[in-house]
Amino acid sequence: MVFARSRPALVRYDVSSHMVKWWKGHSPTNGQVTKSLSPYEQAAVVPWLKTFPKRAYEKFTDAGMYWVPTGVATVGIVIATDEADAAQDRSHRY
């Protein structure tokens, strides 16, 4: 290859050009935790709580047409079966 010596190989572009030799031996630490959630942080859940009402309303209005009839049918079936069971219990009295 003609320009093998002048071709920049493995050049670091994340540091300044005058600091390349200084940072040449630096290897990144893989798997090191650089930030964690402090147990003393007061606003850990606040971003979720701020958006919760809007998201709950959107989900209810999106799927409400399925949940409401299902809930009404379930409650109606439970009431009907309880009354049928009570009627059967009363019919077997002596």
N, C-alpha and C. Protein backbone atom coordinates (compact mmCIF):
# COMPACT_ATOMS: atom_id res chain seq x y z
N MET A 1 0.85 -1.16 0.00
CA MET A 1 0.00 0.00 0.00
C MET A 1 0.90 1.24 0.00
N VAL A 2 0.57 2.17 -0.82
CA VAL A 2 1.44 3.33 -1.02
C VAL A 2 1.41 4.26 0.19
N PHE A 3 0.23 4.58 0.69
CA PHE A 3 0.12 5.55 1.77
C PHE A 3 -0.13 4.89 3.12
N ALA A 4 0.41 3.71 3.35
CA ALA A 4 0.15 2.97 4.58
C ALA A 4 0.65 3.72 5.81
N ARG A 5 1.81 4.40 5.70
CA ARG A 5 2.36 5.10 6.86
C ARG A 5 1.67 6.42 7.13
N SER A 6 1.17 7.08 6.12
CA SER A 6 0.56 8.38 6.32
C SER A 6 -0.94 8.30 6.55
N ARG A 7 -1.52 7.12 6.35
CA ARG A 7 -2.96 6.94 6.55
C ARG A 7 -3.26 6.92 8.03
N PRO A 8 -4.20 7.75 8.49
CA PRO A 8 -4.53 7.72 9.93
C PRO A 8 -5.33 6.47 10.26
N ALA A 9 -4.76 5.60 11.03
CA ALA A 9 -5.43 4.37 11.44
C ALA A 9 -5.72 4.43 12.93
N LEU A 10 -6.91 4.00 13.29
CA LEU A 10 -7.34 3.97 14.69
C LEU A 10 -7.21 5.33 15.35
N VAL A 11 -7.65 6.35 14.65
CA VAL A 11 -7.60 7.71 15.18
C VAL A 11 -8.79 7.93 16.10
N ARG A 12 -8.53 8.56 17.22
CA ARG A 12 -9.60 8.89 18.16
C ARG A 12 -10.14 10.27 17.82
N TYR A 13 -11.45 10.35 17.64
CA TYR A 13 -12.07 11.62 17.34
C TYR A 13 -12.83 12.17 18.54
N ASP A 14 -12.82 11.46 19.66
CA ASP A 14 -13.54 11.95 20.83
C ASP A 14 -12.68 12.84 21.72
N VAL A 15 -11.37 12.97 21.40
CA VAL A 15 -10.49 13.86 22.16
C VAL A 15 -9.84 14.84 21.19
N SER A 16 -9.28 15.90 21.75
CA SER A 16 -8.61 16.89 20.91
C SER A 16 -7.39 16.28 20.23
N SER A 17 -7.02 16.86 19.10
CA SER A 17 -5.91 16.28 18.33
C SER A 17 -4.59 16.35 19.08
N HIS A 18 -4.37 17.34 19.93
CA HIS A 18 -3.12 17.44 20.67
C HIS A 18 -3.11 16.54 21.91
N MET A 19 -4.25 15.92 22.25
CA MET A 19 -4.31 15.04 23.42
C MET A 19 -4.44 13.56 23.04
N VAL A 20 -4.31 13.25 21.75
CA VAL A 20 -4.49 11.87 21.31
C VAL A 20 -3.46 10.96 21.96
N LYS A 21 -2.20 11.39 22.01
CA LYS A 21 -1.16 10.54 22.61
C LYS A 21 -1.41 10.35 24.10
N TRP A 22 -1.92 11.37 24.78
CA TRP A 22 -2.20 11.29 26.21
C TRP A 22 -3.29 10.27 26.50
N TRP A 23 -4.35 10.29 25.68
CA TRP A 23 -5.50 9.42 25.90
C TRP A 23 -5.41 8.10 25.15
N LYS A 24 -4.30 7.81 24.50
CA LYS A 24 -4.16 6.59 23.70
C LYS A 24 -4.30 5.34 24.56
N GLY A 25 -3.81 5.35 25.76
CA GLY A 25 -3.86 4.17 26.61
C GLY A 25 -5.14 4.03 27.41
N HIS A 26 -6.01 5.00 27.32
CA HIS A 26 -7.25 4.97 28.09
C HIS A 26 -8.23 3.99 27.47
N SER A 27 -8.71 3.07 28.28
CA SER A 27 -9.75 2.16 27.79
C SER A 27 -11.02 2.42 28.61
N PRO A 28 -12.18 2.40 27.96
CA PRO A 28 -13.41 2.67 28.70
C PRO A 28 -13.74 1.53 29.66
N THR A 29 -14.35 1.88 30.75
CA THR A 29 -14.72 0.87 31.73
C THR A 29 -16.10 0.34 31.38
N ASN A 30 -16.15 -0.88 30.95
CA ASN A 30 -17.42 -1.48 30.54
C ASN A 30 -18.15 -2.02 31.76
N GLY A 31 -19.42 -1.68 31.88
CA GLY A 31 -20.24 -2.19 32.97
C GLY A 31 -20.18 -1.38 34.24
N GLN A 32 -19.41 -0.29 34.28
CA GLN A 32 -19.32 0.51 35.49
C GLN A 32 -20.58 1.37 35.62
N VAL A 33 -21.16 1.37 36.80
CA VAL A 33 -22.35 2.17 37.06
C VAL A 33 -21.90 3.61 37.27
N THR A 34 -22.38 4.49 36.40
CA THR A 34 -21.99 5.89 36.53
C THR A 34 -23.09 6.73 37.17
N LYS A 35 -24.33 6.25 37.13
CA LYS A 35 -25.43 6.97 37.77
C LYS A 35 -26.42 5.95 38.29
N SER A 36 -26.90 6.16 39.48
CA SER A 36 -27.89 5.26 40.05
C SER A 36 -28.97 6.09 40.72
N LEU A 37 -30.08 5.46 41.01
CA LEU A 37 -31.20 6.14 41.65
C LEU A 37 -30.97 6.12 43.16
N SER A 38 -30.87 7.28 43.73
CA SER A 38 -30.62 7.40 45.15
C SER A 38 -31.89 7.08 45.94
N PRO A 39 -31.76 6.36 47.06
CA PRO A 39 -32.94 6.11 47.88
C PRO A 39 -33.46 7.39 48.55
N TYR A 40 -32.66 8.44 48.57
CA TYR A 40 -33.06 9.69 49.18
C TYR A 40 -33.65 10.67 48.16
N GLU A 41 -33.72 10.27 46.89
CA GLU A 41 -34.27 11.16 45.88
C GLU A 41 -35.77 11.29 46.07
N GLN A 42 -36.26 12.51 46.11
CA GLN A 42 -37.65 12.75 46.42
C GLN A 42 -38.56 12.66 45.19
N ALA A 43 -38.01 12.88 44.02
CA ALA A 43 -38.83 12.94 42.81
C ALA A 43 -38.63 11.71 41.94
N ALA A 44 -38.63 10.53 42.55
CA ALA A 44 -38.40 9.32 41.78
C ALA A 44 -39.64 8.91 41.00
N VAL A 45 -40.82 9.12 41.55
CA VAL A 45 -42.05 8.67 40.92
C VAL A 45 -42.87 9.85 40.37
N VAL A 46 -42.44 11.05 40.67
CA VAL A 46 -43.22 12.23 40.29
C VAL A 46 -43.45 12.35 38.78
N PRO A 47 -42.46 12.09 37.92
CA PRO A 47 -42.76 12.20 36.49
C PRO A 47 -43.85 11.23 36.04
N TRP A 48 -43.90 10.04 36.61
CA TRP A 48 -44.96 9.09 36.27
C TRP A 48 -46.30 9.57 36.80
N LEU A 49 -46.33 10.12 38.01
CA LEU A 49 -47.58 10.59 38.59
C LEU A 49 -48.16 11.78 37.83
N LYS A 50 -47.30 12.61 37.24
CA LYS A 50 -47.79 13.77 36.51
C LYS A 50 -48.52 13.35 35.24
N THR A 51 -48.08 12.28 34.59
CA THR A 51 -48.71 11.86 33.34
C THR A 51 -49.76 10.78 33.55
N PHE A 52 -49.91 10.27 34.77
CA PHE A 52 -50.84 9.17 35.02
C PHE A 52 -52.29 9.51 34.72
N PRO A 53 -52.85 10.64 35.18
CA PRO A 53 -54.26 10.91 34.90
C PRO A 53 -54.58 11.00 33.41
N LYS A 54 -53.72 11.63 32.65
CA LYS A 54 -53.95 11.75 31.22
C LYS A 54 -53.90 10.38 30.55
N ARG A 55 -52.91 9.57 30.91
CA ARG A 55 -52.78 8.24 30.31
C ARG A 55 -53.95 7.35 30.71
N ALA A 56 -54.40 7.44 31.96
CA ALA A 56 -55.54 6.62 32.40
C ALA A 56 -56.81 7.02 31.66
N TYR A 57 -57.03 8.32 31.49
CA TYR A 57 -58.22 8.78 30.76
C TYR A 57 -58.18 8.31 29.31
N GLU A 58 -57.01 8.42 28.67
CA GLU A 58 -56.90 7.98 27.28
C GLU A 58 -57.14 6.48 27.15
N LYS A 59 -56.61 5.70 28.08
CA LYS A 59 -56.80 4.26 28.01
C LYS A 59 -58.26 3.88 28.27
N PHE A 60 -58.91 4.58 29.20
CA PHE A 60 -60.31 4.26 29.49
C PHE A 60 -61.21 4.63 28.32
N THR A 61 -60.98 5.81 27.74
CA THR A 61 -61.81 6.20 26.61
C THR A 61 -61.54 5.35 25.38
N ASP A 62 -60.34 4.83 25.27
CA ASP A 62 -60.01 3.98 24.13
C ASP A 62 -60.65 2.60 24.25
N ALA A 63 -60.60 2.00 25.45
CA ALA A 63 -61.10 0.63 25.64
C ALA A 63 -62.37 0.58 26.48
N GLY A 64 -62.96 1.73 26.82
CA GLY A 64 -64.15 1.76 27.66
C GLY A 64 -65.35 1.10 27.04
N MET A 65 -65.44 1.17 25.72
CA MET A 65 -66.59 0.55 25.07
C MET A 65 -66.56 -0.98 25.17
N TYR A 66 -65.42 -1.53 25.52
CA TYR A 66 -65.33 -2.98 25.74
C TYR A 66 -65.48 -3.33 27.22
N TRP A 67 -64.92 -2.49 28.11
CA TRP A 67 -64.94 -2.80 29.53
C TRP A 67 -66.31 -2.58 30.17
N VAL A 68 -67.02 -1.54 29.77
CA VAL A 68 -68.31 -1.23 30.40
C VAL A 68 -69.34 -2.34 30.16
N PRO A 69 -69.58 -2.78 28.91
CA PRO A 69 -70.55 -3.86 28.73
C PRO A 69 -70.10 -5.18 29.38
N THR A 70 -68.80 -5.42 29.37
CA THR A 70 -68.30 -6.63 30.02
C THR A 70 -68.55 -6.58 31.53
N GLY A 71 -68.30 -5.42 32.15
CA GLY A 71 -68.55 -5.28 33.58
C GLY A 71 -70.02 -5.40 33.92
N VAL A 72 -70.89 -4.79 33.10
CA VAL A 72 -72.33 -4.87 33.34
C VAL A 72 -72.80 -6.32 33.20
N ALA A 73 -72.32 -7.02 32.18
CA ALA A 73 -72.70 -8.42 31.99
C ALA A 73 -72.22 -9.29 33.15
N THR A 74 -71.00 -9.03 33.62
CA THR A 74 -70.47 -9.82 34.74
C THR A 74 -71.30 -9.60 36.00
N VAL A 75 -71.59 -8.35 36.33
CA VAL A 75 -72.38 -8.06 37.53
C VAL A 75 -73.78 -8.65 37.40
N GLY A 76 -74.37 -8.53 36.21
CA GLY A 76 -75.70 -9.11 35.99
C GLY A 76 -75.71 -10.62 36.15
N ILE A 77 -74.71 -11.29 35.63
CA ILE A 77 -74.62 -12.75 35.77
C ILE A 77 -74.44 -13.15 37.22
N VAL A 78 -73.61 -12.42 37.96
CA VAL A 78 -73.38 -12.73 39.38
C VAL A 78 -74.68 -12.56 40.17
N ILE A 79 -75.41 -11.48 39.92
CA ILE A 79 -76.67 -11.26 40.64
C ILE A 79 -77.68 -12.36 40.29
N ALA A 80 -77.79 -12.69 39.01
CA ALA A 80 -78.74 -13.73 38.58
C ALA A 80 -78.41 -15.09 39.18
N THR A 81 -77.13 -15.46 39.20
CA THR A 81 -76.75 -16.76 39.76
C THR A 81 -76.93 -16.80 41.26
N ASP A 82 -76.67 -15.69 41.96
CA ASP A 82 -76.91 -15.65 43.41
C ASP A 82 -78.40 -15.81 43.71
N GLU A 83 -79.25 -15.14 42.94
CA GLU A 83 -80.69 -15.29 43.15
C GLU A 83 -81.16 -16.71 42.83
N ALA A 84 -80.62 -17.31 41.79
CA ALA A 84 -80.98 -18.69 41.44
C ALA A 84 -80.53 -19.66 42.52
N ASP A 85 -79.35 -19.45 43.07
CA ASP A 85 -78.85 -20.30 44.14
C ASP A 85 -79.70 -20.15 45.40
N ALA A 86 -80.09 -18.93 45.73
CA ALA A 86 -80.93 -18.69 46.90
C ALA A 86 -82.32 -19.32 46.69
N ALA A 87 -82.86 -19.24 45.48
CA ALA A 87 -84.16 -19.85 45.19
C ALA A 87 -84.08 -21.37 45.31
N GLN A 88 -82.98 -21.94 44.86
CA GLN A 88 -82.80 -23.39 44.98
C GLN A 88 -82.66 -23.80 46.44
N ASP A 89 -81.94 -23.00 47.20
CA ASP A 89 -81.81 -23.31 48.64
C ASP A 89 -83.17 -23.24 49.34
N ARG A 90 -83.99 -22.27 48.99
CA ARG A 90 -85.32 -22.16 49.60
C ARG A 90 -86.27 -23.28 49.17
N SER A 91 -86.06 -23.80 47.97
CA SER A 91 -86.96 -24.86 47.51
C SER A 91 -86.73 -26.20 48.19
N HIS A 92 -85.57 -26.39 48.80
CA HIS A 92 -85.24 -27.64 49.45
C HIS A 92 -85.48 -27.62 50.96
N ARG A 93 -86.16 -26.61 51.46
CA ARG A 93 -86.45 -26.55 52.89
C ARG A 93 -87.57 -27.51 53.22
N TYR A 94 -87.62 -27.97 54.40
CA TYR A 94 -88.73 -28.82 54.83
C TYR A 94 -89.51 -28.24 55.95
